[in-house]
Amino acid sequence: MAGVTYTFDVTQQMNGEEGTVQGFEIGYQQFFDFLPGPLSGLGLQANYTHIDSDGGRNTAVNIFDPNQTGGANLSLPLEGMSPTSYNIALLYERYGISARLAWNWREQYLLTTSAANINAPVWSEDYGQLDGSIFYDLTDNVKIGLQGTNLTQERTILRVGHGARMPRYSWVDTDRRVAAVLRARF
């Protein structure tokens, strides 16, 4: 306007350049039908997963804020991927009874690379949960039962930061949930 030059600083969102995931998973499942009588319905199901991921970056939301740019460009794993997780379940299938008792566990994982209000990565701590169910066949098409989730009432805990400085940030207590279930097949 009227021969005056203006300079503007412009920022824009960008996708990450690349990320990698590598690892392995092993699993096992067997019913011990060689056991005598009622014990022949016992079974075991288990799996273990190990992964290594990278490609996550903590980017500054506001590149003009030194608090944000000072913690930016950290090399982080990809979000939502625990390096180690496993599940183990005791099973029973016999005499119209179907029962499961399962422990599920996962190692700490990156929840988000940069929480907006704290400009730092947020991590979910190691977490394990015990679930169970038992059903009985009333007929070939109708079952009744109980399902229980988070039977040990585990707490979800979040940490903020990176490296040696990762204090606990918040937590969520999730109650045990038990449901009575009626299943019908048509």
N, C-alpha and C. Protein backbone atom coordinates (compact mmCIF):
# COMPACT_ATOMS: atom_id res chain seq x y z
N MET A 1 0.83 -1.18 0.00
CA MET A 1 0.00 0.00 0.00
C MET A 1 0.88 1.24 0.00
N ALA A 2 0.68 2.01 -0.96
CA ALA A 2 1.38 3.28 -1.09
C ALA A 2 2.89 3.09 -1.02
N GLY A 3 3.39 1.99 -1.62
CA GLY A 3 4.83 1.79 -1.70
C GLY A 3 5.48 1.27 -0.44
N VAL A 4 4.71 0.84 0.58
CA VAL A 4 5.26 0.33 1.84
C VAL A 4 5.34 -1.19 1.75
N THR A 5 6.48 -1.76 2.14
CA THR A 5 6.68 -3.20 2.13
C THR A 5 6.46 -3.74 3.55
N TYR A 6 5.66 -4.81 3.64
CA TYR A 6 5.41 -5.46 4.93
C TYR A 6 6.03 -6.86 4.91
N THR A 7 6.58 -7.29 6.04
CA THR A 7 7.14 -8.63 6.18
C THR A 7 6.25 -9.42 7.13
N PHE A 8 5.91 -10.65 6.72
CA PHE A 8 5.07 -11.52 7.54
C PHE A 8 5.81 -12.81 7.83
N ASP A 9 5.67 -13.30 9.06
CA ASP A 9 6.17 -14.63 9.42
C ASP A 9 4.99 -15.59 9.28
N VAL A 10 5.21 -16.68 8.56
CA VAL A 10 4.15 -17.64 8.29
C VAL A 10 4.58 -19.01 8.82
N THR A 11 3.68 -19.71 9.50
CA THR A 11 3.93 -21.09 9.93
C THR A 11 2.85 -21.98 9.34
N GLN A 12 3.16 -23.25 9.20
CA GLN A 12 2.17 -24.21 8.68
C GLN A 12 2.44 -25.58 9.25
N GLN A 13 1.39 -26.40 9.31
CA GLN A 13 1.52 -27.77 9.78
C GLN A 13 2.16 -28.64 8.70
N MET A 14 2.94 -29.62 9.13
CA MET A 14 3.58 -30.54 8.19
C MET A 14 3.50 -31.96 8.76
N ASN A 15 3.36 -32.93 7.89
CA ASN A 15 3.46 -34.32 8.30
C ASN A 15 4.91 -34.63 8.63
N GLY A 16 5.12 -35.62 9.48
CA GLY A 16 6.48 -36.06 9.79
C GLY A 16 7.13 -36.63 8.54
N GLU A 17 8.44 -36.58 8.52
CA GLU A 17 9.17 -37.05 7.35
C GLU A 17 9.04 -38.56 7.18
N GLU A 18 9.25 -39.31 8.23
CA GLU A 18 9.16 -40.77 8.15
C GLU A 18 9.12 -41.35 9.55
N GLY A 19 8.69 -42.58 9.62
CA GLY A 19 8.68 -43.31 10.87
C GLY A 19 8.92 -44.77 10.57
N THR A 20 9.43 -45.49 11.54
CA THR A 20 9.67 -46.91 11.34
C THR A 20 9.15 -47.69 12.54
N VAL A 21 8.70 -48.92 12.25
CA VAL A 21 8.27 -49.85 13.29
C VAL A 21 8.86 -51.20 12.92
N GLN A 22 9.53 -51.81 13.87
CA GLN A 22 10.02 -53.17 13.66
C GLN A 22 9.91 -53.92 14.97
N GLY A 23 9.78 -55.22 14.88
CA GLY A 23 9.65 -56.02 16.09
C GLY A 23 9.16 -57.41 15.78
N PHE A 24 8.60 -58.05 16.80
CA PHE A 24 8.11 -59.40 16.62
C PHE A 24 7.00 -59.67 17.63
N GLU A 25 6.22 -60.71 17.33
CA GLU A 25 5.18 -61.17 18.23
C GLU A 25 5.19 -62.69 18.24
N ILE A 26 5.05 -63.25 19.42
CA ILE A 26 4.93 -64.70 19.53
C ILE A 26 3.64 -65.01 20.29
N GLY A 27 3.04 -66.12 19.95
CA GLY A 27 1.78 -66.48 20.60
C GLY A 27 1.70 -67.98 20.82
N TYR A 28 0.83 -68.34 21.74
CA TYR A 28 0.63 -69.75 22.08
C TYR A 28 -0.82 -69.92 22.49
N GLN A 29 -1.46 -70.97 22.01
CA GLN A 29 -2.81 -71.30 22.44
C GLN A 29 -2.98 -72.81 22.41
N GLN A 30 -3.52 -73.35 23.50
CA GLN A 30 -3.73 -74.79 23.56
C GLN A 30 -4.80 -75.11 24.60
N PHE A 31 -5.66 -76.06 24.24
CA PHE A 31 -6.55 -76.66 25.21
C PHE A 31 -5.92 -77.98 25.63
N PHE A 32 -5.94 -78.26 26.91
CA PHE A 32 -5.28 -79.46 27.46
C PHE A 32 -6.28 -80.61 27.52
N ASP A 33 -6.79 -81.00 26.35
CA ASP A 33 -7.81 -82.03 26.28
C ASP A 33 -7.29 -83.42 26.62
N PHE A 34 -5.99 -83.55 26.84
CA PHE A 34 -5.41 -84.82 27.26
C PHE A 34 -5.57 -85.04 28.77
N LEU A 35 -5.99 -84.00 29.51
CA LEU A 35 -6.19 -84.12 30.96
C LEU A 35 -7.47 -84.91 31.23
N PRO A 36 -7.57 -85.52 32.39
CA PRO A 36 -8.75 -86.36 32.68
C PRO A 36 -9.99 -85.53 33.05
N GLY A 37 -11.16 -86.04 32.70
CA GLY A 37 -12.45 -85.51 33.12
C GLY A 37 -12.63 -84.02 32.91
N PRO A 38 -13.14 -83.33 33.93
CA PRO A 38 -13.43 -81.90 33.81
C PRO A 38 -12.20 -81.05 33.49
N LEU A 39 -11.01 -81.54 33.86
CA LEU A 39 -9.78 -80.78 33.58
C LEU A 39 -9.47 -80.69 32.09
N SER A 40 -10.08 -81.54 31.28
CA SER A 40 -9.81 -81.53 29.84
C SER A 40 -10.33 -80.27 29.15
N GLY A 41 -11.11 -79.48 29.87
CA GLY A 41 -11.61 -78.22 29.32
C GLY A 41 -10.69 -77.04 29.55
N LEU A 42 -9.60 -77.24 30.30
CA LEU A 42 -8.66 -76.15 30.58
C LEU A 42 -7.83 -75.81 29.35
N GLY A 43 -7.51 -74.53 29.22
CA GLY A 43 -6.66 -74.08 28.12
C GLY A 43 -5.87 -72.85 28.52
N LEU A 44 -4.92 -72.51 27.68
CA LEU A 44 -4.07 -71.35 27.91
C LEU A 44 -3.87 -70.62 26.59
N GLN A 45 -3.95 -69.31 26.66
CA GLN A 45 -3.70 -68.47 25.50
C GLN A 45 -2.75 -67.38 25.96
N ALA A 46 -1.66 -67.16 25.21
CA ALA A 46 -0.67 -66.15 25.60
C ALA A 46 -0.03 -65.55 24.36
N ASN A 47 0.35 -64.28 24.47
CA ASN A 47 1.14 -63.66 23.42
C ASN A 47 2.05 -62.61 24.02
N TYR A 48 3.13 -62.33 23.31
CA TYR A 48 4.13 -61.35 23.71
C TYR A 48 4.51 -60.56 22.46
N THR A 49 4.55 -59.25 22.59
CA THR A 49 4.92 -58.39 21.46
C THR A 49 6.04 -57.46 21.90
N HIS A 50 7.04 -57.32 21.04
CA HIS A 50 8.11 -56.35 21.27
C HIS A 50 8.29 -55.54 20.00
N ILE A 51 8.23 -54.21 20.11
CA ILE A 51 8.45 -53.36 18.95
C ILE A 51 9.40 -52.23 19.28
N ASP A 52 10.04 -51.73 18.25
CA ASP A 52 10.90 -50.56 18.34
C ASP A 52 10.39 -49.60 17.28
N SER A 53 9.99 -48.40 17.68
CA SER A 53 9.47 -47.43 16.72
C SER A 53 10.21 -46.11 16.89
N ASP A 54 10.27 -45.37 15.81
CA ASP A 54 10.80 -44.00 15.88
C ASP A 54 10.15 -43.19 14.78
N GLY A 55 10.31 -41.90 14.86
CA GLY A 55 9.73 -41.00 13.87
C GLY A 55 8.84 -39.95 14.49
N GLY A 56 8.54 -40.07 15.78
CA GLY A 56 7.74 -39.05 16.46
C GLY A 56 8.59 -37.82 16.74
N ARG A 57 8.01 -36.65 16.61
CA ARG A 57 8.73 -35.41 16.88
C ARG A 57 7.86 -34.48 17.72
N ASN A 58 8.47 -33.83 18.68
CA ASN A 58 7.81 -32.81 19.47
C ASN A 58 8.05 -31.48 18.76
N THR A 59 7.01 -30.97 18.11
CA THR A 59 7.15 -29.71 17.36
C THR A 59 6.58 -28.56 18.16
N ALA A 60 7.11 -27.39 17.95
CA ALA A 60 6.62 -26.20 18.62
C ALA A 60 5.32 -25.75 17.96
N VAL A 61 4.29 -25.48 18.77
CA VAL A 61 3.04 -24.95 18.24
C VAL A 61 3.24 -23.50 17.84
N ASN A 62 4.01 -22.78 18.63
CA ASN A 62 4.31 -21.38 18.36
C ASN A 62 5.82 -21.24 18.26
N ILE A 63 6.34 -21.08 17.06
CA ILE A 63 7.80 -21.03 16.89
C ILE A 63 8.43 -19.77 17.46
N PHE A 64 7.62 -18.81 17.89
CA PHE A 64 8.14 -17.58 18.49
C PHE A 64 8.20 -17.65 20.01
N ASP A 65 7.78 -18.77 20.59
CA ASP A 65 7.78 -18.95 22.03
C ASP A 65 9.00 -19.76 22.42
N PRO A 66 9.98 -19.16 23.14
CA PRO A 66 11.20 -19.89 23.49
C PRO A 66 10.95 -21.11 24.38
N ASN A 67 9.87 -21.11 25.18
CA ASN A 67 9.55 -22.29 25.99
C ASN A 67 9.20 -23.48 25.11
N GLN A 68 8.59 -23.23 23.97
CA GLN A 68 8.21 -24.31 23.07
C GLN A 68 9.37 -24.74 22.19
N THR A 69 10.08 -23.79 21.64
CA THR A 69 11.18 -24.15 20.73
C THR A 69 12.33 -24.80 21.48
N GLY A 70 12.48 -24.50 22.78
CA GLY A 70 13.55 -25.11 23.57
C GLY A 70 13.36 -26.61 23.75
N GLY A 71 12.11 -27.08 23.75
CA GLY A 71 11.84 -28.51 23.93
C GLY A 71 11.45 -29.20 22.64
N ALA A 72 11.53 -28.50 21.53
CA ALA A 72 11.10 -29.06 20.25
C ALA A 72 12.18 -29.98 19.67
N ASN A 73 11.74 -30.75 18.67
CA ASN A 73 12.62 -31.63 17.89
C ASN A 73 13.23 -32.77 18.70
N LEU A 74 12.55 -33.19 19.76
CA LEU A 74 12.99 -34.38 20.47
C LEU A 74 12.76 -35.59 19.59
N SER A 75 13.65 -36.54 19.64
CA SER A 75 13.44 -37.79 18.91
C SER A 75 12.60 -38.71 19.78
N LEU A 76 11.42 -39.04 19.32
CA LEU A 76 10.47 -39.80 20.12
C LEU A 76 9.98 -41.02 19.35
N PRO A 77 9.43 -42.01 20.06
CA PRO A 77 8.79 -43.14 19.37
C PRO A 77 7.48 -42.67 18.75
N LEU A 78 6.84 -43.52 17.98
CA LEU A 78 5.53 -43.19 17.44
C LEU A 78 4.48 -43.29 18.55
N GLU A 79 3.45 -42.48 18.43
CA GLU A 79 2.41 -42.41 19.46
C GLU A 79 1.62 -43.71 19.55
N GLY A 80 1.28 -44.08 20.78
CA GLY A 80 0.38 -45.21 21.03
C GLY A 80 1.00 -46.59 20.94
N MET A 81 2.33 -46.67 20.80
CA MET A 81 2.97 -47.98 20.61
C MET A 81 3.88 -48.31 21.79
N SER A 82 3.48 -49.29 22.59
CA SER A 82 4.30 -49.74 23.71
C SER A 82 5.44 -50.61 23.18
N PRO A 83 6.65 -50.42 23.71
CA PRO A 83 7.74 -51.30 23.28
C PRO A 83 7.48 -52.77 23.60
N THR A 84 6.84 -53.03 24.74
CA THR A 84 6.57 -54.40 25.16
C THR A 84 5.13 -54.52 25.65
N SER A 85 4.46 -55.58 25.23
CA SER A 85 3.13 -55.88 25.77
C SER A 85 2.93 -57.38 25.76
N TYR A 86 2.08 -57.84 26.67
CA TYR A 86 1.76 -59.27 26.68
C TYR A 86 0.36 -59.48 27.24
N ASN A 87 -0.21 -60.61 26.90
CA ASN A 87 -1.52 -61.03 27.38
C ASN A 87 -1.43 -62.51 27.72
N ILE A 88 -2.05 -62.88 28.82
CA ILE A 88 -2.11 -64.29 29.18
C ILE A 88 -3.51 -64.57 29.72
N ALA A 89 -4.11 -65.64 29.21
CA ALA A 89 -5.49 -65.96 29.59
C ALA A 89 -5.62 -67.44 29.92
N LEU A 90 -6.27 -67.71 31.03
CA LEU A 90 -6.64 -69.07 31.40
C LEU A 90 -8.05 -69.28 30.85
N LEU A 91 -8.26 -70.40 30.14
CA LEU A 91 -9.52 -70.67 29.46
C LEU A 91 -10.17 -71.94 30.01
N TYR A 92 -11.49 -71.99 29.90
CA TYR A 92 -12.20 -73.22 30.22
C TYR A 92 -13.39 -73.35 29.29
N GLU A 93 -13.52 -74.50 28.63
CA GLU A 93 -14.62 -74.80 27.71
C GLU A 93 -15.04 -76.25 27.91
N ARG A 94 -16.10 -76.44 28.68
CA ARG A 94 -16.55 -77.82 28.91
C ARG A 94 -17.91 -77.78 29.60
N TYR A 95 -18.75 -78.76 29.33
CA TYR A 95 -20.05 -78.92 29.97
C TYR A 95 -20.94 -77.68 29.83
N GLY A 96 -20.83 -76.98 28.70
CA GLY A 96 -21.65 -75.79 28.47
C GLY A 96 -21.13 -74.55 29.17
N ILE A 97 -19.97 -74.66 29.82
CA ILE A 97 -19.36 -73.53 30.50
C ILE A 97 -18.24 -72.98 29.63
N SER A 98 -18.23 -71.67 29.49
CA SER A 98 -17.16 -70.98 28.76
C SER A 98 -16.63 -69.88 29.68
N ALA A 99 -15.37 -70.01 30.12
CA ALA A 99 -14.82 -69.05 31.08
C ALA A 99 -13.44 -68.56 30.63
N ARG A 100 -13.15 -67.31 30.95
CA ARG A 100 -11.87 -66.69 30.64
C ARG A 100 -11.43 -65.82 31.82
N LEU A 101 -10.14 -65.87 32.12
CA LEU A 101 -9.54 -64.96 33.08
C LEU A 101 -8.25 -64.49 32.44
N ALA A 102 -8.16 -63.19 32.13
CA ALA A 102 -7.05 -62.68 31.32
C ALA A 102 -6.36 -61.50 31.98
N TRP A 103 -5.03 -61.52 31.95
CA TRP A 103 -4.20 -60.40 32.39
C TRP A 103 -3.58 -59.79 31.13
N ASN A 104 -3.79 -58.49 30.94
CA ASN A 104 -3.27 -57.76 29.79
C ASN A 104 -2.36 -56.66 30.30
N TRP A 105 -1.15 -56.58 29.74
CA TRP A 105 -0.17 -55.61 30.23
C TRP A 105 0.53 -54.94 29.06
N ARG A 106 0.81 -53.64 29.22
CA ARG A 106 1.60 -52.93 28.23
C ARG A 106 2.55 -51.96 28.93
N GLU A 107 3.72 -51.81 28.34
CA GLU A 107 4.76 -50.92 28.86
C GLU A 107 4.39 -49.47 28.54
N GLN A 108 5.02 -48.55 29.26
CA GLN A 108 4.81 -47.12 29.02
C GLN A 108 4.86 -46.80 27.53
N TYR A 109 3.98 -45.90 27.09
CA TYR A 109 3.96 -45.51 25.68
C TYR A 109 3.68 -44.02 25.56
N LEU A 110 4.06 -43.46 24.41
CA LEU A 110 3.86 -42.04 24.12
C LEU A 110 2.40 -41.80 23.77
N LEU A 111 1.75 -40.95 24.55
CA LEU A 111 0.35 -40.62 24.30
C LEU A 111 0.24 -39.50 23.26
N THR A 112 1.04 -38.46 23.43
CA THR A 112 1.08 -37.35 22.47
C THR A 112 2.47 -36.72 22.50
N THR A 113 2.93 -36.25 21.36
CA THR A 113 4.28 -35.66 21.29
C THR A 113 4.36 -34.30 21.94
N SER A 114 3.25 -33.56 21.97
CA SER A 114 3.29 -32.22 22.55
C SER A 114 1.91 -31.82 23.02
N ALA A 115 1.69 -31.91 24.32
CA ALA A 115 0.41 -31.48 24.87
C ALA A 115 0.34 -29.96 24.77
N ALA A 116 -0.78 -29.44 24.31
CA ALA A 116 -0.90 -28.01 24.00
C ALA A 116 -0.66 -27.11 25.21
N ASN A 117 -1.06 -27.54 26.39
CA ASN A 117 -0.93 -26.65 27.54
C ASN A 117 0.42 -26.75 28.24
N ILE A 118 1.24 -27.74 27.90
CA ILE A 118 2.53 -27.87 28.58
C ILE A 118 3.71 -27.99 27.63
N ASN A 119 3.44 -28.09 26.34
CA ASN A 119 4.50 -28.10 25.31
C ASN A 119 5.55 -29.16 25.54
N ALA A 120 5.13 -30.32 25.98
CA ALA A 120 6.05 -31.41 26.24
C ALA A 120 5.35 -32.73 25.93
N PRO A 121 6.11 -33.80 25.68
CA PRO A 121 5.50 -35.10 25.44
C PRO A 121 4.75 -35.61 26.67
N VAL A 122 3.66 -36.34 26.43
CA VAL A 122 2.90 -36.96 27.52
C VAL A 122 2.93 -38.46 27.30
N TRP A 123 3.22 -39.19 28.38
CA TRP A 123 3.38 -40.65 28.34
C TRP A 123 2.36 -41.30 29.24
N SER A 124 1.86 -42.46 28.86
CA SER A 124 1.02 -43.28 29.72
C SER A 124 1.92 -44.33 30.35
N GLU A 125 1.90 -44.42 31.69
CA GLU A 125 2.76 -45.37 32.41
C GLU A 125 2.40 -46.82 32.09
N ASP A 126 3.28 -47.73 32.48
CA ASP A 126 2.99 -49.16 32.38
C ASP A 126 1.58 -49.41 32.93
N TYR A 127 0.86 -50.32 32.28
CA TYR A 127 -0.51 -50.57 32.71
C TYR A 127 -0.88 -52.03 32.51
N GLY A 128 -1.46 -52.61 33.54
CA GLY A 128 -1.96 -53.98 33.46
C GLY A 128 -3.38 -54.05 33.97
N GLN A 129 -4.15 -54.97 33.41
CA GLN A 129 -5.56 -55.05 33.78
C GLN A 129 -6.01 -56.51 33.76
N LEU A 130 -6.80 -56.90 34.77
CA LEU A 130 -7.35 -58.24 34.85
C LEU A 130 -8.83 -58.21 34.46
N ASP A 131 -9.19 -59.03 33.48
CA ASP A 131 -10.57 -59.14 33.01
C ASP A 131 -11.00 -60.60 33.10
N GLY A 132 -12.29 -60.81 33.20
CA GLY A 132 -12.78 -62.19 33.25
C GLY A 132 -14.21 -62.30 32.78
N SER A 133 -14.59 -63.51 32.41
CA SER A 133 -15.98 -63.76 32.03
C SER A 133 -16.31 -65.23 32.27
N ILE A 134 -17.59 -65.50 32.49
CA ILE A 134 -18.07 -66.87 32.58
C ILE A 134 -19.48 -66.90 31.98
N PHE A 135 -19.70 -67.86 31.09
CA PHE A 135 -20.99 -68.03 30.43
C PHE A 135 -21.43 -69.48 30.54
N TYR A 136 -22.74 -69.65 30.55
CA TYR A 136 -23.31 -70.99 30.57
C TYR A 136 -24.34 -71.09 29.45
N ASP A 137 -24.27 -72.19 28.69
CA ASP A 137 -25.21 -72.43 27.59
C ASP A 137 -26.52 -72.96 28.16
N LEU A 138 -27.58 -72.14 28.11
CA LEU A 138 -28.91 -72.61 28.50
C LEU A 138 -29.46 -73.54 27.43
N THR A 139 -29.23 -73.17 26.18
CA THR A 139 -29.59 -73.99 25.01
C THR A 139 -28.47 -73.82 23.99
N ASP A 140 -28.64 -74.41 22.81
CA ASP A 140 -27.64 -74.23 21.76
C ASP A 140 -27.57 -72.78 21.29
N ASN A 141 -28.63 -72.01 21.50
CA ASN A 141 -28.70 -70.64 20.99
C ASN A 141 -28.77 -69.56 22.07
N VAL A 142 -28.83 -69.94 23.33
CA VAL A 142 -28.97 -68.94 24.40
C VAL A 142 -27.92 -69.19 25.48
N LYS A 143 -27.22 -68.10 25.86
CA LYS A 143 -26.20 -68.16 26.92
C LYS A 143 -26.48 -67.06 27.94
N ILE A 144 -26.15 -67.33 29.19
CA ILE A 144 -26.19 -66.30 30.22
C ILE A 144 -24.80 -66.26 30.85
N GLY A 145 -24.46 -65.09 31.40
CA GLY A 145 -23.15 -65.01 32.01
C GLY A 145 -22.85 -63.69 32.67
N LEU A 146 -21.63 -63.61 33.15
CA LEU A 146 -21.09 -62.41 33.77
C LEU A 146 -19.78 -62.05 33.09
N GLN A 147 -19.56 -60.75 32.91
CA GLN A 147 -18.30 -60.24 32.38
C GLN A 147 -17.77 -59.20 33.36
N GLY A 148 -16.49 -59.30 33.67
CA GLY A 148 -15.86 -58.34 34.56
C GLY A 148 -14.66 -57.69 33.88
N THR A 149 -14.57 -56.37 34.00
CA THR A 149 -13.48 -55.60 33.40
C THR A 149 -12.75 -54.83 34.49
N ASN A 150 -11.43 -54.80 34.40
CA ASN A 150 -10.58 -54.10 35.37
C ASN A 150 -10.90 -54.57 36.80
N LEU A 151 -10.86 -55.87 36.98
CA LEU A 151 -11.23 -56.46 38.27
C LEU A 151 -10.35 -55.99 39.42
N THR A 152 -9.11 -55.63 39.16
CA THR A 152 -8.20 -55.17 40.20
C THR A 152 -8.18 -53.65 40.34
N GLN A 153 -9.07 -52.96 39.63
CA GLN A 153 -9.22 -51.50 39.70
C GLN A 153 -7.89 -50.77 39.52
N GLU A 154 -7.24 -51.03 38.41
CA GLU A 154 -5.95 -50.39 38.12
C GLU A 154 -6.13 -48.92 37.77
N ARG A 155 -5.09 -48.14 38.02
CA ARG A 155 -5.08 -46.70 37.79
C ARG A 155 -4.24 -46.39 36.55
N THR A 156 -4.76 -45.53 35.67
CA THR A 156 -4.01 -45.03 34.52
C THR A 156 -3.28 -43.77 34.94
N ILE A 157 -1.95 -43.75 34.77
CA ILE A 157 -1.14 -42.61 35.21
C ILE A 157 -0.41 -42.03 34.01
N LEU A 158 -0.46 -40.70 33.89
CA LEU A 158 0.24 -39.99 32.82
C LEU A 158 1.47 -39.28 33.37
N ARG A 159 2.54 -39.27 32.58
CA ARG A 159 3.76 -38.55 32.90
C ARG A 159 4.01 -37.53 31.80
N VAL A 160 4.71 -36.47 32.15
CA VAL A 160 5.01 -35.43 31.17
C VAL A 160 6.52 -35.16 31.16
N GLY A 161 7.07 -34.93 29.98
CA GLY A 161 8.49 -34.63 29.86
C GLY A 161 9.21 -35.65 29.01
N HIS A 162 10.52 -35.70 29.19
CA HIS A 162 11.33 -36.60 28.38
C HIS A 162 12.62 -36.91 29.13
N GLY A 163 13.14 -38.11 28.92
CA GLY A 163 14.41 -38.51 29.55
C GLY A 163 14.26 -38.71 31.03
N ALA A 164 15.20 -38.15 31.79
CA ALA A 164 15.21 -38.33 33.25
C ALA A 164 14.16 -37.48 33.95
N ARG A 165 13.62 -36.46 33.26
CA ARG A 165 12.63 -35.58 33.88
C ARG A 165 11.24 -35.88 33.34
N MET A 166 10.55 -36.78 34.03
CA MET A 166 9.20 -37.16 33.62
C MET A 166 8.30 -37.32 34.84
N PRO A 167 7.96 -36.22 35.51
CA PRO A 167 7.11 -36.35 36.69
C PRO A 167 5.70 -36.79 36.33
N ARG A 168 5.01 -37.37 37.31
CA ARG A 168 3.62 -37.75 37.11
C ARG A 168 2.80 -36.48 36.94
N TYR A 169 1.87 -36.53 35.98
CA TYR A 169 1.11 -35.36 35.57
C TYR A 169 -0.36 -35.46 36.00
N SER A 170 -0.95 -36.62 35.77
CA SER A 170 -2.34 -36.82 36.17
C SER A 170 -2.63 -38.32 36.21
N TRP A 171 -3.79 -38.68 36.73
CA TRP A 171 -4.17 -40.08 36.76
C TRP A 171 -5.69 -40.20 36.64
N VAL A 172 -6.11 -41.39 36.25
CA VAL A 172 -7.54 -41.69 36.13
C VAL A 172 -7.78 -43.01 36.84
N ASP A 173 -8.72 -43.00 37.76
CA ASP A 173 -9.15 -44.23 38.41
C ASP A 173 -10.39 -44.74 37.68
N THR A 174 -10.28 -45.94 37.14
CA THR A 174 -11.42 -46.55 36.46
C THR A 174 -11.95 -47.66 37.35
N ASP A 175 -13.23 -47.60 37.65
CA ASP A 175 -13.83 -48.61 38.51
C ASP A 175 -13.89 -49.97 37.84
N ARG A 176 -14.01 -50.96 38.67
CA ARG A 176 -14.30 -52.32 38.21
C ARG A 176 -15.71 -52.29 37.60
N ARG A 177 -15.87 -52.99 36.48
CA ARG A 177 -17.18 -53.07 35.85
C ARG A 177 -17.58 -54.53 35.73
N VAL A 178 -18.78 -54.84 36.17
CA VAL A 178 -19.32 -56.19 36.07
C VAL A 178 -20.68 -56.09 35.39
N ALA A 179 -20.88 -56.94 34.38
CA ALA A 179 -22.14 -56.91 33.63
C ALA A 179 -22.75 -58.30 33.57
N ALA A 180 -24.05 -58.37 33.77
CA ALA A 180 -24.81 -59.59 33.54
C ALA A 180 -25.21 -59.58 32.07
N VAL A 181 -25.02 -60.72 31.39
CA VAL A 181 -25.20 -60.77 29.95
C VAL A 181 -26.13 -61.92 29.57
N LEU A 182 -27.00 -61.64 28.63
CA LEU A 182 -27.85 -62.66 28.01
C LEU A 182 -27.58 -62.59 26.52
N ARG A 183 -27.13 -63.71 25.94
CA ARG A 183 -26.83 -63.76 24.51
C ARG A 183 -27.78 -64.75 23.84
N ALA A 184 -28.35 -64.31 22.73
CA ALA A 184 -29.23 -65.19 21.96
C ALA A 184 -28.77 -65.17 20.50
N ARG A 185 -28.81 -66.34 19.88
CA ARG A 185 -28.43 -66.47 18.48
C ARG A 185 -29.65 -66.92 17.70
N PHE A 186 -29.95 -66.22 16.59
CA PHE A 186 -31.15 -66.53 15.79
C PHE A 186 -30.74 -67.11 14.45
